[in-house]
PDB file of N, CA and C in Angstrom:
ATOM      1  N   MET A   1     -36.315 -35.868 -41.897  1.00  0.00           N
ATOM      2  CA  MET A   1     -35.590 -35.912 -40.632  1.00  0.00           C
ATOM      3  C   MET A   1     -34.559 -34.791 -40.624  1.00  0.00           C
ATOM      4  N   HIS A   2     -34.304 -34.268 -39.484  1.00  0.00           N
ATOM      5  CA  HIS A   2     -33.329 -33.189 -39.312  1.00  0.00           C
ATOM      6  C   HIS A   2     -31.923 -33.744 -39.487  1.00  0.00           C
ATOM      7  N   GLU A   3     -31.101 -33.058 -40.268  1.00  0.00           N
ATOM      8  CA  GLU A   3     -29.754 -33.528 -40.597  1.00  0.00           C
ATOM      9  C   GLU A   3     -28.889 -33.720 -39.358  1.00  0.00           C
ATOM     10  N   GLY A   4     -28.965 -32.824 -38.395  1.00  0.00           N
ATOM     11  CA  GLY A   4     -28.163 -32.934 -37.181  1.00  0.00           C
ATOM     12  C   GLY A   4     -28.484 -34.176 -36.382  1.00  0.00           C
ATOM     13  N   ARG A   5     -29.759 -34.541 -36.346  1.00  0.00           N
ATOM     14  CA  ARG A   5     -30.152 -35.755 -35.632  1.00  0.00           C
ATOM     15  C   ARG A   5     -29.591 -36.990 -36.306  1.00  0.00           C
ATOM     16  N   ALA A   6     -29.613 -37.008 -37.622  1.00  0.00           N
ATOM     17  CA  ALA A   6     -29.061 -38.156 -38.352  1.00  0.00           C
ATOM     18  C   ALA A   6     -27.570 -38.291 -38.075  1.00  0.00           C
ATOM     19  N   ALA A   7     -26.854 -37.192 -38.074  1.00  0.00           N
ATOM     20  CA  ALA A   7     -25.417 -37.225 -37.803  1.00  0.00           C
ATOM     21  C   ALA A   7     -25.154 -37.701 -36.383  1.00  0.00           C
ATOM     22  N   GLY A   8     -25.988 -37.316 -35.446  1.00  0.00           N
ATOM     23  CA  GLY A   8     -25.821 -37.746 -34.063  1.00  0.00           C
ATOM     24  C   GLY A   8     -25.981 -39.241 -33.909  1.00  0.00           C
ATOM     25  N   ARG A   9     -26.977 -39.789 -34.594  1.00  0.00           N
ATOM     26  CA  ARG A   9     -27.180 -41.235 -34.524  1.00  0.00           C
ATOM     27  C   ARG A   9     -26.041 -41.970 -35.201  1.00  0.00           C
ATOM     28  N   GLU A  10     -25.558 -41.453 -36.315  1.00  0.00           N
ATOM     29  CA  GLU A  10     -24.426 -42.080 -36.992  1.00  0.00           C
ATOM     30  C   GLU A  10     -23.219 -42.082 -36.069  1.00  0.00           C
ATOM     31  N   GLY A  11     -23.050 -41.033 -35.294  1.00  0.00           N
ATOM     32  CA  GLY A  11     -21.913 -40.920 -34.407  1.00  0.00           C
ATOM     33  C   GLY A  11     -21.947 -41.886 -33.253  1.00  0.00           C
ATOM     34  N   ARG A  12     -23.131 -42.293 -32.848  1.00  0.00           N
ATOM     35  CA  ARG A  12     -23.235 -43.202 -31.711  1.00  0.00           C
ATOM     36  C   ARG A  12     -23.312 -44.642 -32.207  1.00  0.00           C
ATOM     37  N   GLY A  13     -24.481 -45.217 -32.310  1.00  0.00           N
ATOM     38  CA  GLY A  13     -24.630 -46.608 -32.725  1.00  0.00           C
ATOM     39  C   GLY A  13     -24.181 -46.854 -34.150  1.00  0.00           C
ATOM     40  N   GLY A  14     -24.225 -45.830 -34.995  1.00  0.00           N
ATOM     41  CA  GLY A  14     -23.838 -45.986 -36.388  1.00  0.00           C
ATOM     42  C   GLY A  14     -22.382 -46.367 -36.533  1.00  0.00           C
ATOM     43  N   LEU A  15     -21.532 -45.802 -35.714  1.00  0.00           N
ATOM     44  CA  LEU A  15     -20.113 -46.121 -35.766  1.00  0.00           C
ATOM     45  C   LEU A  15     -19.908 -47.588 -35.413  1.00  0.00           C
ATOM     46  N   ARG A  16     -20.563 -48.045 -34.392  1.00  0.00           N
ATOM     47  CA  ARG A  16     -20.409 -49.439 -33.975  1.00  0.00           C
ATOM     48  C   ARG A  16     -20.923 -50.386 -35.053  1.00  0.00           C
ATOM     49  N   ARG A  17     -22.066 -50.047 -35.671  1.00  0.00           N
ATOM     50  CA  ARG A  17     -22.611 -50.896 -36.741  1.00  0.00           C
ATOM     51  C   ARG A  17     -21.694 -50.890 -37.964  1.00  0.00           C
ATOM     52  N   ALA A  18     -21.255 -49.717 -38.377  1.00  0.00           N
ATOM     53  CA  ALA A  18     -20.427 -49.603 -39.581  1.00  0.00           C
ATOM     54  C   ALA A  18     -19.060 -50.251 -39.389  1.00  0.00           C
ATOM     55  N   CYS A  19     -18.583 -50.295 -38.163  1.00  0.00           N
ATOM     56  CA  CYS A  19     -17.221 -50.781 -37.892  1.00  0.00           C
ATOM     57  C   CYS A  19     -17.196 -52.134 -37.186  1.00  0.00           C
ATOM     58  N   GLU A  20     -18.324 -52.807 -37.117  1.00  0.00           N
ATOM     59  CA  GLU A  20     -18.397 -54.050 -36.341  1.00  0.00           C
ATOM     60  C   GLU A  20     -17.300 -55.047 -36.718  1.00  0.00           C
ATOM     61  N   ALA A  21     -17.149 -55.337 -37.996  1.00  0.00           N
ATOM     62  CA  ALA A  21     -16.130 -56.313 -38.429  1.00  0.00           C
ATOM     63  C   ALA A  21     -14.721 -55.793 -38.151  1.00  0.00           C
ATOM     64  N   ASP A  22     -14.529 -54.476 -38.344  1.00  0.00           N
ATOM     65  CA  ASP A  22     -13.214 -53.872 -38.095  1.00  0.00           C
ATOM     66  C   ASP A  22     -12.867 -53.922 -36.608  1.00  0.00           C
ATOM     67  N   ILE A  23     -13.854 -53.675 -35.768  1.00  0.00           N
ATOM     68  CA  ILE A  23     -13.639 -53.734 -34.316  1.00  0.00           C
ATOM     69  C   ILE A  23     -13.230 -55.148 -33.915  1.00  0.00           C
ATOM     70  N   GLU A  24     -13.937 -56.139 -34.442  1.00  0.00           N
ATOM     71  CA  GLU A  24     -13.621 -57.534 -34.112  1.00  0.00           C
ATOM     72  C   GLU A  24     -12.218 -57.907 -34.582  1.00  0.00           C
ATOM     73  N   GLN A  25     -11.819 -57.375 -35.732  1.00  0.00           N
ATOM     74  CA  GLN A  25     -10.521 -57.737 -36.298  1.00  0.00           C
ATOM     75  C   GLN A  25      -9.356 -57.027 -35.616  1.00  0.00           C
ATOM     76  N   PHE A  26      -9.523 -55.749 -35.275  1.00  0.00           N
ATOM     77  CA  PHE A  26      -8.381 -54.949 -34.836  1.00  0.00           C
ATOM     78  C   PHE A  26      -8.366 -54.567 -33.355  1.00  0.00           C
ATOM     79  N   CYS A  27      -9.494 -54.646 -32.674  1.00  0.00           N
ATOM     80  CA  CYS A  27      -9.573 -54.110 -31.309  1.00  0.00           C
ATOM     81  C   CYS A  27      -9.898 -55.196 -30.292  1.00  0.00           C
ATOM     82  N   ALA A  28      -9.502 -54.961 -29.059  1.00  0.00           N
ATOM     83  CA  ALA A  28      -9.791 -55.889 -27.975  1.00  0.00           C
ATOM     84  C   ALA A  28     -11.285 -55.882 -27.665  1.00  0.00           C
ATOM     85  N   ALA A  29     -11.806 -57.029 -27.301  1.00  0.00           N
ATOM     86  CA  ALA A  29     -13.243 -57.184 -27.054  1.00  0.00           C
ATOM     87  C   ALA A  29     -13.756 -56.273 -25.934  1.00  0.00           C
ATOM     88  N   ASP A  30     -12.894 -55.947 -24.980  1.00  0.00           N
ATOM     89  CA  ASP A  30     -13.344 -55.150 -23.840  1.00  0.00           C
ATOM     90  C   ASP A  30     -13.178 -53.642 -24.054  1.00  0.00           C
ATOM     91  N   GLN A  31     -12.700 -53.235 -25.228  1.00  0.00           N
ATOM     92  CA  GLN A  31     -12.541 -51.800 -25.487  1.00  0.00           C
ATOM     93  C   GLN A  31     -13.896 -51.163 -25.774  1.00  0.00           C
ATOM     94  N   THR A  32     -14.111 -49.986 -25.205  1.00  0.00           N
ATOM     95  CA  THR A  32     -15.347 -49.246 -25.439  1.00  0.00           C
ATOM     96  C   THR A  32     -15.022 -47.773 -25.631  1.00  0.00           C
ATOM     97  N   GLY A  33     -15.998 -47.040 -26.115  1.00  0.00           N
ATOM     98  CA  GLY A  33     -15.894 -45.596 -26.193  1.00  0.00           C
ATOM     99  C   GLY A  33     -14.628 -45.085 -26.842  1.00  0.00           C
ATOM    100  N   ARG A  34     -13.957 -44.204 -26.142  1.00  0.00           N
ATOM    101  CA  ARG A  34     -12.755 -43.544 -26.659  1.00  0.00           C
ATOM    102  C   ARG A  34     -11.659 -44.552 -26.998  1.00  0.00           C
ATOM    103  N   ASP A  35     -11.477 -45.575 -26.171  1.00  0.00           N
ATOM    104  CA  ASP A  35     -10.444 -46.578 -26.446  1.00  0.00           C
ATOM    105  C   ASP A  35     -10.715 -47.296 -27.763  1.00  0.00           C
ATOM    106  N   ARG A  36     -11.981 -47.610 -28.015  1.00  0.00           N
ATOM    107  CA  ARG A  36     -12.341 -48.273 -29.261  1.00  0.00           C
ATOM    108  C   ARG A  36     -12.074 -47.353 -30.449  1.00  0.00           C
ATOM    109  N   ARG A  37     -12.462 -46.084 -30.330  1.00  0.00           N
ATOM    110  CA  ARG A  37     -12.218 -45.141 -31.429  1.00  0.00           C
ATOM    111  C   ARG A  37     -10.724 -44.976 -31.682  1.00  0.00           C
ATOM    112  N   GLN A  38      -9.934 -44.901 -30.614  1.00  0.00           N
ATOM    113  CA  GLN A  38      -8.486 -44.770 -30.785  1.00  0.00           C
ATOM    114  C   GLN A  38      -7.911 -46.006 -31.469  1.00  0.00           C
ATOM    115  N   CYS A  39      -8.411 -47.164 -31.112  1.00  0.00           N
ATOM    116  CA  CYS A  39      -7.975 -48.400 -31.761  1.00  0.00           C
ATOM    117  C   CYS A  39      -8.287 -48.342 -33.248  1.00  0.00           C
ATOM    118  N   LEU A  40      -9.525 -47.976 -33.581  1.00  0.00           N
ATOM    119  CA  LEU A  40      -9.905 -47.899 -34.989  1.00  0.00           C
ATOM    120  C   LEU A  40      -9.056 -46.880 -35.734  1.00  0.00           C
ATOM    121  N   GLU A  41      -8.869 -45.723 -35.135  1.00  0.00           N
ATOM    122  CA  GLU A  41      -8.086 -44.678 -35.790  1.00  0.00           C
ATOM    123  C   GLU A  41      -6.643 -45.105 -36.005  1.00  0.00           C
ATOM    124  N   SER A  42      -6.114 -45.944 -35.127  1.00  0.00           N
ATOM    125  CA  SER A  42      -4.733 -46.402 -35.285  1.00  0.00           C
ATOM    126  C   SER A  42      -4.596 -47.405 -36.431  1.00  0.00           C
ATOM    127  N   HIS A  43      -5.733 -47.934 -36.906  1.00  0.00           N
ATOM    128  CA  HIS A  43      -5.740 -48.873 -38.026  1.00  0.00           C
ATOM    129  C   HIS A  43      -6.471 -48.284 -39.235  1.00  0.00           C
ATOM    130  N   MET A  44      -6.548 -46.973 -39.308  1.00  0.00           N
ATOM    131  CA  MET A  44      -7.359 -46.292 -40.321  1.00  0.00           C
ATOM    132  C   MET A  44      -7.072 -46.782 -41.736  1.00  0.00           C
ATOM    133  N   ASP A  45      -5.813 -47.050 -42.048  1.00  0.00           N
ATOM    134  CA  ASP A  45      -5.457 -47.465 -43.408  1.00  0.00           C
ATOM    135  C   ASP A  45      -5.959 -48.858 -43.759  1.00  0.00           C
ATOM    136  N   LYS A  46      -6.394 -49.630 -42.758  1.00  0.00           N
ATOM    137  CA  LYS A  46      -6.860 -50.997 -42.988  1.00  0.00           C
ATOM    138  C   LYS A  46      -8.370 -51.148 -42.853  1.00  0.00           C
ATOM    139  N   LEU A  47      -9.083 -50.091 -42.445  1.00  0.00           N
ATOM    140  CA  LEU A  47     -10.513 -50.178 -42.164  1.00  0.00           C
ATOM    141  C   LEU A  47     -11.351 -50.199 -43.434  1.00  0.00           C
ATOM    142  N   SER A  48     -12.557 -50.745 -43.300  1.00  0.00           N
ATOM    143  CA  SER A  48     -13.506 -50.735 -44.413  1.00  0.00           C
ATOM    144  C   SER A  48     -13.915 -49.292 -44.708  1.00  0.00           C
ATOM    145  N   ASN A  49     -14.363 -49.055 -45.924  1.00  0.00           N
ATOM    146  CA  ASN A  49     -14.799 -47.711 -46.309  1.00  0.00           C
ATOM    147  C   ASN A  49     -15.968 -47.236 -45.444  1.00  0.00           C
ATOM    148  N   ASP A  50     -16.915 -48.122 -45.131  1.00  0.00           N
ATOM    149  CA  ASP A  50     -18.053 -47.734 -44.294  1.00  0.00           C
ATOM    150  C   ASP A  50     -17.595 -47.290 -42.910  1.00  0.00           C
ATOM    151  N   CYS A  51     -16.627 -47.986 -42.372  1.00  0.00           N
ATOM    152  CA  CYS A  51     -16.109 -47.633 -41.052  1.00  0.00           C
ATOM    153  C   CYS A  51     -15.387 -46.289 -41.100  1.00  0.00           C
ATOM    154  N   LYS A  52     -14.548 -46.095 -42.108  1.00  0.00           N
ATOM    155  CA  LYS A  52     -13.849 -44.810 -42.251  1.00  0.00           C
ATOM    156  C   LYS A  52     -14.841 -43.662 -42.351  1.00  0.00           C
ATOM    157  N   THR A  53     -15.896 -43.860 -43.134  1.00  0.00           N
ATOM    158  CA  THR A  53     -16.917 -42.827 -43.302  1.00  0.00           C
ATOM    159  C   THR A  53     -17.602 -42.522 -41.972  1.00  0.00           C
ATOM    160  N   ALA A  54     -17.923 -43.562 -41.200  1.00  0.00           N
ATOM    161  CA  ALA A  54     -18.583 -43.373 -39.909  1.00  0.00           C
ATOM    162  C   ALA A  54     -17.678 -42.634 -38.923  1.00  0.00           C
ATOM    163  N   ILE A  55     -16.396 -42.947 -38.922  1.00  0.00           N
ATOM    164  CA  ILE A  55     -15.445 -42.270 -38.032  1.00  0.00           C
ATOM    165  C   ILE A  55     -15.364 -40.792 -38.395  1.00  0.00           C
ATOM    166  N   GLU A  56     -15.251 -40.499 -39.677  1.00  0.00           N
ATOM    167  CA  GLU A  56     -15.177 -39.096 -40.114  1.00  0.00           C
ATOM    168  C   GLU A  56     -16.472 -38.357 -39.782  1.00  0.00           C
ATOM    169  N   ALA A  57     -17.618 -39.011 -39.965  1.00  0.00           N
ATOM    170  CA  ALA A  57     -18.906 -38.378 -39.648  1.00  0.00           C
ATOM    171  C   ALA A  57     -18.981 -38.055 -38.167  1.00  0.00           C
ATOM    172  N   ARG A  58     -18.494 -38.955 -37.333  1.00  0.00           N
ATOM    173  CA  ARG A  58     -18.517 -38.711 -35.885  1.00  0.00           C
ATOM    174  C   ARG A  58     -17.604 -37.545 -35.523  1.00  0.00           C
ATOM    175  N   LYS A  59     -16.405 -37.530 -36.111  1.00  0.00           N
ATOM    176  CA  LYS A  59     -15.482 -36.425 -35.842  1.00  0.00           C
ATOM    177  C   LYS A  59     -16.102 -35.095 -36.254  1.00  0.00           C
ATOM    178  N   ASN A  60     -16.693 -35.056 -37.444  1.00  0.00           N
ATOM    179  CA  ASN A  60     -17.297 -33.828 -37.940  1.00  0.00           C
ATOM    180  C   ASN A  60     -18.467 -33.393 -37.071  1.00  0.00           C
ATOM    181  N   HIS A  61     -19.275 -34.334 -36.642  1.00  0.00           N
ATOM    182  CA  HIS A  61     -20.419 -34.017 -35.784  1.00  0.00           C
ATOM    183  C   HIS A  61     -19.950 -33.446 -34.445  1.00  0.00           C
ATOM    184  N   ARG A  62     -18.953 -34.081 -33.850  1.00  0.00           N
ATOM    185  CA  ARG A  62     -18.439 -33.613 -32.558  1.00  0.00           C
ATOM    186  C   ARG A  62     -17.800 -32.233 -32.700  1.00  0.00           C
ATOM    187  N   ARG A  63     -17.079 -32.033 -33.806  1.00  0.00           N
ATOM    188  CA  ARG A  63     -16.449 -30.736 -34.043  1.00  0.00           C
ATOM    189  C   ARG A  63     -17.520 -29.659 -34.235  1.00  0.00           C
ATOM    190  N   ASP A  64     -18.572 -29.975 -34.992  1.00  0.00           N
ATOM    191  CA  ASP A  64     -19.656 -29.016 -35.229  1.00  0.00           C
ATOM    192  C   ASP A  64     -20.366 -28.644 -33.933  1.00  0.00           C
ATOM    193  N   LYS A  65     -20.480 -29.590 -33.014  1.00  0.00           N
ATOM    194  CA  LYS A  65     -21.137 -29.338 -31.736  1.00  0.00           C
ATOM    195  C   LYS A  65     -20.185 -28.738 -30.712  1.00  0.00           C
ATOM    196  N   GLY A  66     -18.918 -28.679 -31.045  1.00  0.00           N
ATOM    197  CA  GLY A  66     -17.931 -28.170 -30.093  1.00  0.00           C
ATOM    198  C   GLY A  66     -17.550 -29.216 -29.070  1.00  0.00           C
ATOM    199  N   GLY A  67     -17.807 -30.492 -29.385  1.00  0.00           N
ATOM    200  CA  GLY A  67     -17.502 -31.581 -28.462  1.00  0.00           C
ATOM    201  C   GLY A  67     -16.028 -31.892 -28.418  1.00  0.00           C
ATOM    202  N   ASP A  68     -15.645 -32.642 -27.415  1.00  0.00           N
ATOM    203  CA  ASP A  68     -14.249 -33.000 -27.221  1.00  0.00           C
ATOM    204  C   ASP A  68     -14.208 -34.456 -26.803  1.00  0.00           C
ATOM    205  N   ASP A  69     -13.497 -35.292 -27.548  1.00  0.00           N
ATOM    206  CA  ASP A  69     -13.415 -36.705 -27.222  1.00  0.00           C
ATOM    207  C   ASP A  69     -12.897 -36.958 -25.820  1.00  0.00           C
ATOM    208  N   LYS A  70     -12.173 -36.022 -25.253  1.00  0.00           N
ATOM    209  CA  LYS A  70     -11.619 -36.228 -23.916  1.00  0.00           C
ATOM    210  C   LYS A  70     -12.700 -36.309 -22.850  1.00  0.00           C
ATOM    211  N   THR A  71     -13.894 -35.825 -23.171  1.00  0.00           N
ATOM    212  CA  THR A  71     -14.985 -35.875 -22.196  1.00  0.00           C
ATOM    213  C   THR A  71     -15.898 -37.042 -22.435  1.00  0.00           C
ATOM    214  N   ASP A  72     -15.578 -37.919 -23.365  1.00  0.00           N
ATOM    215  CA  ASP A  72     -16.421 -39.061 -23.696  1.00  0.00           C
ATOM    216  C   ASP A  72     -16.504 -39.987 -22.503  1.00  0.00           C
ATOM    217  N   ASN A  73     -17.702 -40.430 -22.214  1.00  0.00           N
ATOM    218  CA  ASN A  73     -17.891 -41.331 -21.068  1.00  0.00           C
ATOM    219  C   ASN A  73     -17.912 -42.782 -21.493  1.00  0.00           C
ATOM    220  N   GLY A  74     -17.620 -43.068 -22.774  1.00  0.00           N
ATOM    221  CA  GLY A  74     -17.556 -44.447 -23.218  1.00  0.00           C
ATOM    222  C   GLY A  74     -18.894 -45.019 -23.627  1.00  0.00           C
ATOM    223  N   SER A  75     -19.941 -44.232 -23.653  1.00  0.00           N
ATOM    224  CA  SER A  75     -21.269 -44.757 -23.963  1.00  0.00           C
ATOM    225  C   SER A  75     -21.600 -44.574 -25.428  1.00  0.00           C
ATOM    226  N   GLU A  76     -20.969 -45.352 -26.257  1.00  0.00           N
ATOM    227  CA  GLU A  76     -21.204 -45.306 -27.698  1.00  0.00           C
ATOM    228  C   GLU A  76     -22.398 -46.093 -28.059  1.00  0.00           C
TER     229      GLU A  76
END
């Protein structure tokens, strides 16, 4: 599989899967997209290692693609 495709999938559904328990513990149920990521990032020191890894992978993928979280439409 192409490495870029794997990183893209990790950035989308992978983040939600890796951070599911952390999202339930720290974030409001109705938060999505950028709001959810901001919530997770604000609790970075308390997150599981898998969640931290997924957040960093998403940041790196977006940076490599020249993406900007400000344009996120919330469709994680």
